[in-house]
Amino acid sequence: MNTMWIENEPCALRAWAEGRMIYLELTDGRIVGFPADRFKILRAAPEEKLKKVSVEVNGYALRWEELDEDLTVQGVVAGRFQLPLPEQAA
């Protein structure tokens, strides 16, 4: 029996920011979110600039033009962040 495996990379339909969280709606129906503070450039950006996120490259990338920052949707969904989670206050 032959089995054909097709890689189905995550693709974003839309992206938005609420507070310091970035959210993506994916083509498979999932909504995923991540803290902007997990990326160096986004961590330094004010909330009004975070809200100017756009979906590019047919849903495979996120772009912040004013910040000159690009992230891949696949990297975000896989949890490949630049910075660790901040330590939680006890």
PDB file of N, CA and C in Angstrom:
ATOM      1  N   MET A   1       0.844  -1.178   0.000  1.00  0.00           N
ATOM      2  CA  MET A   1       0.000   0.000   0.000  1.00  0.00           C
ATOM      3  C   MET A   1       0.886   1.237   0.000  1.00  0.00           C
ATOM      4  N   ASN A   2       0.621   2.146  -0.898  1.00  0.00           N
ATOM      5  CA  ASN A   2       1.355   3.409  -0.960  1.00  0.00           C
ATOM      6  C   ASN A   2       0.602   4.465  -0.174  1.00  0.00           C
ATOM      7  N   THR A   3       1.324   5.165   0.643  1.00  0.00           N
ATOM      8  CA  THR A   3       0.734   6.251   1.414  1.00  0.00           C
ATOM      9  C   THR A   3       1.448   7.535   1.027  1.00  0.00           C
ATOM     10  N   MET A   4       0.670   8.525   0.673  1.00  0.00           N
ATOM     11  CA  MET A   4       1.258   9.812   0.315  1.00  0.00           C
ATOM     12  C   MET A   4       1.059  10.762   1.485  1.00  0.00           C
ATOM     13  N   TRP A   5       2.156  11.339   1.939  1.00  0.00           N
ATOM     14  CA  TRP A   5       2.092  12.291   3.044  1.00  0.00           C
ATOM     15  C   TRP A   5       2.281  13.686   2.486  1.00  0.00           C
ATOM     16  N   ILE A   6       1.365  14.562   2.790  1.00  0.00           N
ATOM     17  CA  ILE A   6       1.459  15.946   2.334  1.00  0.00           C
ATOM     18  C   ILE A   6       1.657  16.822   3.550  1.00  0.00           C
ATOM     19  N   GLU A   7       2.748  17.574   3.528  1.00  0.00           N
ATOM     20  CA  GLU A   7       3.007  18.490   4.635  1.00  0.00           C
ATOM     21  C   GLU A   7       2.026  19.639   4.546  1.00  0.00           C
ATOM     22  N   ASN A   8       1.397  19.915   5.632  1.00  0.00           N
ATOM     23  CA  ASN A   8       0.412  20.981   5.686  1.00  0.00           C
ATOM     24  C   ASN A   8       0.907  22.038   6.654  1.00  0.00           C
ATOM     25  N   GLU A   9       1.694  22.965   6.163  1.00  0.00           N
ATOM     26  CA  GLU A   9       2.224  24.021   7.020  1.00  0.00           C
ATOM     27  C   GLU A   9       1.095  24.950   7.444  1.00  0.00           C
ATOM     28  N   PRO A  10       1.194  25.467   8.657  1.00  0.00           N
ATOM     29  CA  PRO A  10       0.157  26.393   9.107  1.00  0.00           C
ATOM     30  C   PRO A  10       0.171  27.670   8.281  1.00  0.00           C
ATOM     31  N   CYS A  11      -1.005  28.166   8.007  1.00  0.00           N
ATOM     32  CA  CYS A  11      -1.196  29.373   7.207  1.00  0.00           C
ATOM     33  C   CYS A  11      -2.171  30.280   7.958  1.00  0.00           C
ATOM     34  N   ALA A  12      -1.894  31.570   7.968  1.00  0.00           N
ATOM     35  CA  ALA A  12      -2.763  32.509   8.684  1.00  0.00           C
ATOM     36  C   ALA A  12      -3.758  33.168   7.741  1.00  0.00           C
ATOM     37  N   LEU A  13      -4.993  33.262   8.206  1.00  0.00           N
ATOM     38  CA  LEU A  13      -6.017  34.010   7.489  1.00  0.00           C
ATOM     39  C   LEU A  13      -5.996  35.469   7.908  1.00  0.00           C
ATOM     40  N   ARG A  14      -5.759  35.677   9.211  1.00  0.00           N
ATOM     41  CA  ARG A  14      -5.697  37.051   9.731  1.00  0.00           C
ATOM     42  C   ARG A  14      -4.870  37.069  10.999  1.00  0.00           C
ATOM     43  N   ALA A  15      -4.430  38.265  11.368  1.00  0.00           N
ATOM     44  CA  ALA A  15      -3.654  38.454  12.592  1.00  0.00           C
ATOM     45  C   ALA A  15      -4.090  39.765  13.233  1.00  0.00           C
ATOM     46  N   TRP A  16      -4.019  39.798  14.559  1.00  0.00           N
ATOM     47  CA  TRP A  16      -4.370  41.022  15.279  1.00  0.00           C
ATOM     48  C   TRP A  16      -3.659  41.026  16.623  1.00  0.00           C
ATOM     49  N   ALA A  17      -3.616  42.202  17.228  1.00  0.00           N
ATOM     50  CA  ALA A  17      -2.996  42.358  18.541  1.00  0.00           C
ATOM     51  C   ALA A  17      -4.036  42.882  19.519  1.00  0.00           C
ATOM     52  N   GLU A  18      -3.995  42.321  20.714  1.00  0.00           N
ATOM     53  CA  GLU A  18      -4.814  42.797  21.833  1.00  0.00           C
ATOM     54  C   GLU A  18      -3.868  42.931  23.005  1.00  0.00           C
ATOM     55  N   GLY A  19      -3.689  44.162  23.460  1.00  0.00           N
ATOM     56  CA  GLY A  19      -2.704  44.391  24.508  1.00  0.00           C
ATOM     57  C   GLY A  19      -1.335  44.018  23.971  1.00  0.00           C
ATOM     58  N   ARG A  20      -0.631  43.186  24.689  1.00  0.00           N
ATOM     59  CA  ARG A  20       0.704  42.770  24.246  1.00  0.00           C
ATOM     60  C   ARG A  20       0.699  41.336  23.715  1.00  0.00           C
ATOM     61  N   MET A  21      -0.497  40.845  23.340  1.00  0.00           N
ATOM     62  CA  MET A  21      -0.635  39.511  22.749  1.00  0.00           C
ATOM     63  C   MET A  21      -0.926  39.647  21.256  1.00  0.00           C
ATOM     64  N   ILE A  22      -0.296  38.763  20.468  1.00  0.00           N
ATOM     65  CA  ILE A  22      -0.538  38.693  19.032  1.00  0.00           C
ATOM     66  C   ILE A  22      -1.310  37.398  18.781  1.00  0.00           C
ATOM     67  N   TYR A  23      -2.388  37.492  18.010  1.00  0.00           N
ATOM     68  CA  TYR A  23      -3.230  36.340  17.710  1.00  0.00           C
ATOM     69  C   TYR A  23      -3.264  36.081  16.205  1.00  0.00           C
ATOM     70  N   LEU A  24      -3.357  34.798  15.852  1.00  0.00           N
ATOM     71  CA  LEU A  24      -3.465  34.383  14.460  1.00  0.00           C
ATOM     72  C   LEU A  24      -4.655  33.446  14.313  1.00  0.00           C
ATOM     73  N   GLU A  25      -5.442  33.655  13.285  1.00  0.00           N
ATOM     74  CA  GLU A  25      -6.464  32.685  12.916  1.00  0.00           C
ATOM     75  C   GLU A  25      -5.891  31.886  11.758  1.00  0.00           C
ATOM     76  N   LEU A  26      -5.794  30.574  11.942  1.00  0.00           N
ATOM     77  CA  LEU A  26      -5.183  29.702  10.943  1.00  0.00           C
ATOM     78  C   LEU A  26      -6.231  29.076  10.031  1.00  0.00           C
ATOM     79  N   THR A  27      -5.786  28.629   8.871  1.00  0.00           N
ATOM     80  CA  THR A  27      -6.696  28.042   7.890  1.00  0.00           C
ATOM     81  C   THR A  27      -7.358  26.760   8.397  1.00  0.00           C
ATOM     82  N   ASP A  28      -6.771  26.110   9.395  1.00  0.00           N
ATOM     83  CA  ASP A  28      -7.388  24.891   9.937  1.00  0.00           C
ATOM     84  C   ASP A  28      -8.382  25.183  11.055  1.00  0.00           C
ATOM     85  N   GLY A  29      -8.672  26.463  11.288  1.00  0.00           N
ATOM     86  CA  GLY A  29      -9.670  26.848  12.277  1.00  0.00           C
ATOM     87  C   GLY A  29      -9.120  27.198  13.641  1.00  0.00           C
ATOM     88  N   ARG A  30      -7.860  26.900  13.882  1.00  0.00           N
ATOM     89  CA  ARG A  30      -7.270  27.237  15.186  1.00  0.00           C
ATOM     90  C   ARG A  30      -7.007  28.734  15.292  1.00  0.00           C
ATOM     91  N   ILE A  31      -7.046  29.212  16.514  1.00  0.00           N
ATOM     92  CA  ILE A  31      -6.579  30.558  16.839  1.00  0.00           C
ATOM     93  C   ILE A  31      -5.464  30.374  17.844  1.00  0.00           C
ATOM     94  N   VAL A  32      -4.297  30.881  17.506  1.00  0.00           N
ATOM     95  CA  VAL A  32      -3.147  30.779  18.401  1.00  0.00           C
ATOM     96  C   VAL A  32      -2.696  32.184  18.767  1.00  0.00           C
ATOM     97  N   GLY A  33      -2.154  32.294  19.953  1.00  0.00           N
ATOM     98  CA  GLY A  33      -1.661  33.578  20.412  1.00  0.00           C
ATOM     99  C   GLY A  33      -0.303  33.434  21.067  1.00  0.00           C
ATOM    100  N   PHE A  34       0.451  34.514  21.047  1.00  0.00           N
ATOM    101  CA  PHE A  34       1.755  34.519  21.706  1.00  0.00           C
ATOM    102  C   PHE A  34       2.034  35.916  22.236  1.00  0.00           C
ATOM    103  N   PRO A  35       2.807  35.996  23.314  1.00  0.00           N
ATOM    104  CA  PRO A  35       3.163  37.305  23.859  1.00  0.00           C
ATOM    105  C   PRO A  35       4.176  38.002  22.949  1.00  0.00           C
ATOM    106  N   ALA A  36       3.910  39.247  22.622  1.00  0.00           N
ATOM    107  CA  ALA A  36       4.842  40.028  21.799  1.00  0.00           C
ATOM    108  C   ALA A  36       6.219  40.087  22.444  1.00  0.00           C
ATOM    109  N   ASP A  37       6.259  40.014  23.755  1.00  0.00           N
ATOM    110  CA  ASP A  37       7.521  40.134  24.485  1.00  0.00           C
ATOM    111  C   ASP A  37       8.458  38.942  24.285  1.00  0.00           C
ATOM    112  N   ARG A  38       8.056  37.941  23.513  1.00  0.00           N
ATOM    113  CA  ARG A  38       8.932  36.807  23.204  1.00  0.00           C
ATOM    114  C   ARG A  38       9.879  37.112  22.037  1.00  0.00           C
ATOM    115  N   PHE A  39       9.726  38.300  21.414  1.00  0.00           N
ATOM    116  CA  PHE A  39      10.591  38.728  20.312  1.00  0.00           C
ATOM    117  C   PHE A  39      11.169  40.103  20.624  1.00  0.00           C
ATOM    118  N   LYS A  40      12.453  40.269  20.368  1.00  0.00           N
ATOM    119  CA  LYS A  40      13.175  41.494  20.747  1.00  0.00           C
ATOM    120  C   LYS A  40      12.540  42.772  20.216  1.00  0.00           C
ATOM    121  N   ILE A  41      12.301  42.829  18.934  1.00  0.00           N
ATOM    122  CA  ILE A  41      11.762  44.060  18.346  1.00  0.00           C
ATOM    123  C   ILE A  41      10.339  44.315  18.829  1.00  0.00           C
ATOM    124  N   LEU A  42       9.542  43.274  18.905  1.00  0.00           N
ATOM    125  CA  LEU A  42       8.158  43.458  19.361  1.00  0.00           C
ATOM    126  C   LEU A  42       8.107  43.849  20.827  1.00  0.00           C
ATOM    127  N   ARG A  43       9.012  43.336  21.626  1.00  0.00           N
ATOM    128  CA  ARG A  43       9.051  43.681  23.057  1.00  0.00           C
ATOM    129  C   ARG A  43       9.259  45.183  23.255  1.00  0.00           C
ATOM    130  N   ALA A  44      10.066  45.787  22.401  1.00  0.00           N
ATOM    131  CA  ALA A  44      10.364  47.213  22.532  1.00  0.00           C
ATOM    132  C   ALA A  44       9.294  48.111  21.904  1.00  0.00           C
ATOM    133  N   ALA A  45       8.349  47.520  21.181  1.00  0.00           N
ATOM    134  CA  ALA A  45       7.351  48.307  20.453  1.00  0.00           C
ATOM    135  C   ALA A  45       6.168  48.691  21.339  1.00  0.00           C
ATOM    136  N   PRO A  46       5.646  49.894  21.144  1.00  0.00           N
ATOM    137  CA  PRO A  46       4.413  50.275  21.858  1.00  0.00           C
ATOM    138  C   PRO A  46       3.215  49.511  21.279  1.00  0.00           C
ATOM    139  N   GLU A  47       2.178  49.388  22.085  1.00  0.00           N
ATOM    140  CA  GLU A  47       1.001  48.617  21.681  1.00  0.00           C
ATOM    141  C   GLU A  47       0.385  49.110  20.379  1.00  0.00           C
ATOM    142  N   GLU A  48       0.368  50.418  20.134  1.00  0.00           N
ATOM    143  CA  GLU A  48      -0.242  50.927  18.895  1.00  0.00           C
ATOM    144  C   GLU A  48       0.508  50.444  17.652  1.00  0.00           C
ATOM    145  N   LYS A  49       1.801  50.212  17.764  1.00  0.00           N
ATOM    146  CA  LYS A  49       2.554  49.680  16.626  1.00  0.00           C
ATOM    147  C   LYS A  49       2.371  48.171  16.491  1.00  0.00           C
ATOM    148  N   LEU A  50       2.166  47.482  17.596  1.00  0.00           N
ATOM    149  CA  LEU A  50       1.899  46.039  17.523  1.00  0.00           C
ATOM    150  C   LEU A  50       0.608  45.763  16.750  1.00  0.00           C
ATOM    151  N   LYS A  51      -0.345  46.659  16.872  1.00  0.00           N
ATOM    152  CA  LYS A  51      -1.641  46.482  16.206  1.00  0.00           C
ATOM    153  C   LYS A  51      -1.546  46.602  14.693  1.00  0.00           C
ATOM    154  N   LYS A  52      -0.440  47.073  14.175  1.00  0.00           N
ATOM    155  CA  LYS A  52      -0.282  47.250  12.732  1.00  0.00           C
ATOM    156  C   LYS A  52       0.342  46.021  12.073  1.00  0.00           C
ATOM    157  N   VAL A  53      -0.009  44.860  12.543  1.00  0.00           N
ATOM    158  CA  VAL A  53       0.481  43.598  11.979  1.00  0.00           C
ATOM    159  C   VAL A  53      -0.327  43.256  10.725  1.00  0.00           C
ATOM    160  N   SER A  54       0.356  42.718   9.727  1.00  0.00           N
ATOM    161  CA  SER A  54      -0.333  42.262   8.523  1.00  0.00           C
ATOM    162  C   SER A  54       0.114  40.844   8.191  1.00  0.00           C
ATOM    163  N   VAL A  55      -0.757  40.134   7.503  1.00  0.00           N
ATOM    164  CA  VAL A  55      -0.454  38.782   7.043  1.00  0.00           C
ATOM    165  C   VAL A  55       0.084  38.910   5.620  1.00  0.00           C
ATOM    166  N   GLU A  56       1.237  38.312   5.374  1.00  0.00           N
ATOM    167  CA  GLU A  56       1.913  38.427   4.077  1.00  0.00           C
ATOM    168  C   GLU A  56       2.257  37.046   3.536  1.00  0.00           C
ATOM    169  N   VAL A  57       2.806  37.000   2.347  1.00  0.00           N
ATOM    170  CA  VAL A  57       3.304  35.788   1.690  1.00  0.00           C
ATOM    171  C   VAL A  57       2.241  34.677   1.715  1.00  0.00           C
ATOM    172  N   ASN A  58       1.048  35.027   1.270  1.00  0.00           N
ATOM    173  CA  ASN A  58      -0.058  34.057   1.194  1.00  0.00           C
ATOM    174  C   ASN A  58      -0.355  33.373   2.524  1.00  0.00           C
ATOM    175  N   GLY A  59      -0.181  34.104   3.625  1.00  0.00           N
ATOM    176  CA  GLY A  59      -0.521  33.570   4.941  1.00  0.00           C
ATOM    177  C   GLY A  59       0.620  32.905   5.676  1.00  0.00           C
ATOM    178  N   TYR A  60       1.818  32.916   5.110  1.00  0.00           N
ATOM    179  CA  TYR A  60       2.954  32.239   5.735  1.00  0.00           C
ATOM    180  C   TYR A  60       3.831  33.152   6.576  1.00  0.00           C
ATOM    181  N   ALA A  61       3.553  34.460   6.578  1.00  0.00           N
ATOM    182  CA  ALA A  61       4.398  35.390   7.327  1.00  0.00           C
ATOM    183  C   ALA A  61       3.567  36.507   7.950  1.00  0.00           C
ATOM    184  N   LEU A  62       4.108  37.050   9.037  1.00  0.00           N
ATOM    185  CA  LEU A  62       3.544  38.232   9.683  1.00  0.00           C
ATOM    186  C   LEU A  62       4.513  39.374   9.455  1.00  0.00           C
ATOM    187  N   ARG A  63       3.979  40.573   9.236  1.00  0.00           N
ATOM    188  CA  ARG A  63       4.828  41.732   8.954  1.00  0.00           C
ATOM    189  C   ARG A  63       4.361  42.930   9.753  1.00  0.00           C
ATOM    190  N   TRP A  64       5.335  43.626  10.361  1.00  0.00           N
ATOM    191  CA  TRP A  64       5.129  44.924  10.994  1.00  0.00           C
ATOM    192  C   TRP A  64       5.990  45.908  10.221  1.00  0.00           C
ATOM    193  N   GLU A  65       5.402  46.587   9.282  1.00  0.00           N
ATOM    194  CA  GLU A  65       6.146  47.481   8.391  1.00  0.00           C
ATOM    195  C   GLU A  65       6.899  48.561   9.156  1.00  0.00           C
ATOM    196  N   GLU A  66       6.228  49.255  10.072  1.00  0.00           N
ATOM    197  CA  GLU A  66       6.872  50.346  10.818  1.00  0.00           C
ATOM    198  C   GLU A  66       8.020  49.867  11.688  1.00  0.00           C
ATOM    199  N   LEU A  67       7.974  48.609  12.107  1.00  0.00           N
ATOM    200  CA  LEU A  67       9.031  48.056  12.957  1.00  0.00           C
ATOM    201  C   LEU A  67      10.092  47.311  12.151  1.00  0.00           C
ATOM    202  N   ASP A  68       9.844  47.118  10.862  1.00  0.00           N
ATOM    203  CA  ASP A  68      10.706  46.331   9.985  1.00  0.00           C
ATOM    204  C   ASP A  68      10.954  44.946  10.582  1.00  0.00           C
ATOM    205  N   GLU A  69       9.854  44.289  10.978  1.00  0.00           N
ATOM    206  CA  GLU A  69       9.920  42.967  11.607  1.00  0.00           C
ATOM    207  C   GLU A  69       9.049  41.983  10.845  1.00  0.00           C
ATOM    208  N   ASP A  70       9.597  40.800  10.599  1.00  0.00           N
ATOM    209  CA  ASP A  70       8.878  39.715   9.936  1.00  0.00           C
ATOM    210  C   ASP A  70       9.031  38.448  10.763  1.00  0.00           C
ATOM    211  N   LEU A  71       7.945  37.693  10.893  1.00  0.00           N
ATOM    212  CA  LEU A  71       7.963  36.392  11.564  1.00  0.00           C
ATOM    213  C   LEU A  71       7.271  35.385  10.665  1.00  0.00           C
ATOM    214  N   THR A  72       7.722  34.141  10.711  1.00  0.00           N
ATOM    215  CA  THR A  72       7.013  33.109   9.964  1.00  0.00           C
ATOM    216  C   THR A  72       5.891  32.548  10.829  1.00  0.00           C
ATOM    217  N   VAL A  73       4.791  32.255  10.207  1.00  0.00           N
ATOM    218  CA  VAL A  73       3.672  31.647  10.913  1.00  0.00           C
ATOM    219  C   VAL A  73       4.089  30.273  11.429  1.00  0.00           C
ATOM    220  N   GLN A  74       4.802  29.518  10.618  1.00  0.00           N
ATOM    221  CA  GLN A  74       5.255  28.193  11.031  1.00  0.00           C
ATOM    222  C   GLN A  74       6.120  28.273  12.291  1.00  0.00           C
ATOM    223  N   GLY A  75       7.016  29.246  12.366  1.00  0.00           N
ATOM    224  CA  GLY A  75       7.873  29.403  13.538  1.00  0.00           C
ATOM    225  C   GLY A  75       7.087  29.740  14.791  1.00  0.00           C
ATOM    226  N   VAL A  76       6.112  30.621  14.646  1.00  0.00           N
ATOM    227  CA  VAL A  76       5.279  31.003  15.787  1.00  0.00           C
ATOM    228  C   VAL A  76       4.479  29.803  16.286  1.00  0.00           C
ATOM    229  N   VAL A  77       3.846  29.079  15.365  1.00  0.00           N
ATOM    230  CA  VAL A  77       3.022  27.929  15.752  1.00  0.00           C
ATOM    231  C   VAL A  77       3.884  26.846  16.407  1.00  0.00           C
ATOM    232  N   ALA A  78       5.120  26.712  15.944  1.00  0.00           N
ATOM    233  CA  ALA A  78       6.036  25.711  16.507  1.00  0.00           C
ATOM    234  C   ALA A  78       6.664  26.165  17.820  1.00  0.00           C
ATOM    235  N   GLY A  79       6.438  27.426  18.209  1.00  0.00           N
ATOM    236  CA  GLY A  79       6.977  27.925  19.469  1.00  0.00           C
ATOM    237  C   GLY A  79       8.444  28.312  19.405  1.00  0.00           C
ATOM    238  N   ARG A  80       8.928  28.692  18.231  1.00  0.00           N
ATOM    239  CA  ARG A  80      10.313  29.127  18.093  1.00  0.00           C
ATOM    240  C   ARG A  80      10.393  30.633  18.357  1.00  0.00           C
ATOM    241  N   PHE A  81      10.629  30.963  19.618  1.00  0.00           N
ATOM    242  CA  PHE A  81      10.683  32.356  20.047  1.00  0.00           C
ATOM    243  C   PHE A  81      12.130  32.773  20.300  1.00  0.00           C
ATOM    244  N   GLN A  82      12.407  34.076  20.230  1.00  0.00           N
ATOM    245  CA  GLN A  82      13.755  34.580  20.487  1.00  0.00           C
ATOM    246  C   GLN A  82      14.072  34.667  21.965  1.00  0.00           C
ATOM    247  N   LEU A  83      13.054  34.965  22.756  1.00  0.00           N
ATOM    248  CA  LEU A  83      13.273  35.244  24.175  1.00  0.00           C
ATOM    249  C   LEU A  83      12.487  34.276  25.046  1.00  0.00           C
ATOM    250  N   PRO A  84      13.019  33.958  26.232  1.00  0.00           N
ATOM    251  CA  PRO A  84      12.288  33.071  27.147  1.00  0.00           C
ATOM    252  C   PRO A  84      11.106  33.801  27.779  1.00  0.00           C
ATOM    253  N   LEU A  85      10.243  33.019  28.375  1.00  0.00           N
ATOM    254  CA  LEU A  85       9.137  33.618  29.143  1.00  0.00           C
ATOM    255  C   LEU A  85       9.716  34.404  30.309  1.00  0.00           C
ATOM    256  N   PRO A  86       9.129  35.546  30.631  1.00  0.00           N
ATOM    257  CA  PRO A  86       9.605  36.275  31.816  1.00  0.00           C
ATOM    258  C   PRO A  86       9.321  35.448  33.064  1.00  0.00           C
ATOM    259  N   GLU A  87      10.153  35.596  34.052  1.00  0.00           N
ATOM    260  CA  GLU A  87       9.946  34.862  35.314  1.00  0.00           C
ATOM    261  C   GLU A  87       8.663  35.344  35.964  1.00  0.00           C
ATOM    262  N   GLN A  88       7.909  34.405  36.482  1.00  0.00           N
ATOM    263  CA  GLN A  88       6.654  34.725  37.155  1.00  0.00           C
ATOM    264  C   GLN A  88       6.937  35.196  38.578  1.00  0.00           C
ATOM    265  N   ALA A  89       6.256  36.255  38.967  1.00  0.00           N
ATOM    266  CA  ALA A  89       6.393  36.755  40.330  1.00  0.00           C
ATOM    267  C   ALA A  89       5.713  35.787  41.295  1.00  0.00           C
ATOM    268  N   ALA A  90       6.338  35.520  42.395  1.00  0.00           N
ATOM    269  CA  ALA A  90       5.776  34.575  43.372  1.00  0.00           C
ATOM    270  C   ALA A  90       4.733  35.243  44.234  1.00  0.00           C
TER     271      ALA A  90
END
